[in-house]
């Protein structure tokens, strides 16, 4: 089983990964950008140098 990522700001469980050019981080819901929060679990979005991925929720 893959290890769950932790938020790089507060160590809560990460809901996803966000990358904006040179800045990237695993983030929890409290520290996620609005682009990441707008995605449904399991979705990802790429636009230019920006990449956001929301992790699927556990059943």
Protein backbone atom coordinates (compact mmCIF):
# COMPACT_ATOMS: atom_id res chain seq x y z
CA UNK A 1 0.00 0.00 0.00
CA UNK A 2 1.26 3.45 -0.92
CA UNK A 3 2.12 5.81 1.95
CA UNK A 4 -0.26 8.78 2.31
CA UNK A 5 1.36 12.14 1.70
CA UNK A 6 1.27 14.81 4.40
CA UNK A 7 0.72 18.54 3.92
CA UNK A 8 4.05 20.30 3.67
CA UNK A 9 2.71 23.21 5.74
CA UNK A 10 1.04 21.51 8.70
CA UNK A 11 1.47 17.68 8.43
CA UNK A 12 -2.28 16.93 8.03
CA UNK A 13 -3.18 14.32 5.40
CA UNK A 14 -2.75 15.85 1.93
CA UNK A 15 -5.78 16.01 -0.36
CA UNK A 16 -3.63 16.64 -3.42
CA UNK A 17 -0.57 18.02 -5.12
CA UNK A 18 -0.19 21.47 -6.65
CA UNK A 19 2.58 22.86 -8.82
CA UNK A 20 2.78 26.42 -10.10
CA UNK A 21 6.00 26.56 -12.11
CA UNK A 22 8.83 26.41 -9.59
CA UNK A 23 6.59 26.13 -6.49
CA UNK A 24 5.08 22.75 -5.73
CA UNK A 25 3.68 21.11 -2.61
CA UNK A 26 1.49 18.37 -1.19
CA UNK A 27 -1.34 20.20 0.58
CA UNK A 28 -4.28 19.59 2.90
CA UNK A 29 -7.69 21.20 2.40
CA UNK A 30 -6.67 24.18 4.56
CA UNK A 31 -3.61 25.00 2.43
CA UNK A 32 -4.90 24.01 -1.03
CA UNK A 33 -5.29 26.60 -3.77
CA UNK A 34 -8.83 27.25 -5.05
CA UNK A 35 -7.93 25.48 -8.32
CA UNK A 36 -7.26 22.28 -6.41
CA UNK A 37 -10.35 22.65 -4.23
CA UNK A 38 -12.52 23.03 -7.35
CA UNK A 39 -11.52 19.56 -8.59
CA UNK A 40 -13.45 16.42 -7.70
CA UNK A 41 -11.50 13.59 -6.05
CA UNK A 42 -9.41 11.77 -8.66
CA UNK A 43 -9.30 14.71 -11.11
CA UNK A 44 -6.28 16.62 -12.29
CA UNK A 45 -5.79 19.77 -14.35
CA UNK A 46 -2.83 20.99 -16.40
CA UNK A 47 -2.53 24.51 -17.77
CA UNK A 48 0.84 25.76 -18.98
CA UNK A 49 3.28 25.36 -16.09
CA UNK A 50 0.48 24.75 -13.58
CA UNK A 51 -0.52 21.26 -12.48
CA UNK A 52 -3.03 20.36 -9.78
CA UNK A 53 -4.15 16.87 -8.80
CA UNK A 54 -6.75 15.98 -6.23
CA UNK A 55 -6.28 12.53 -4.77
CA UNK A 56 -9.11 10.01 -4.94
CA UNK A 57 -10.94 9.53 -1.65
CA UNK A 58 -10.71 6.20 0.12
CA UNK A 59 -13.88 4.15 0.03
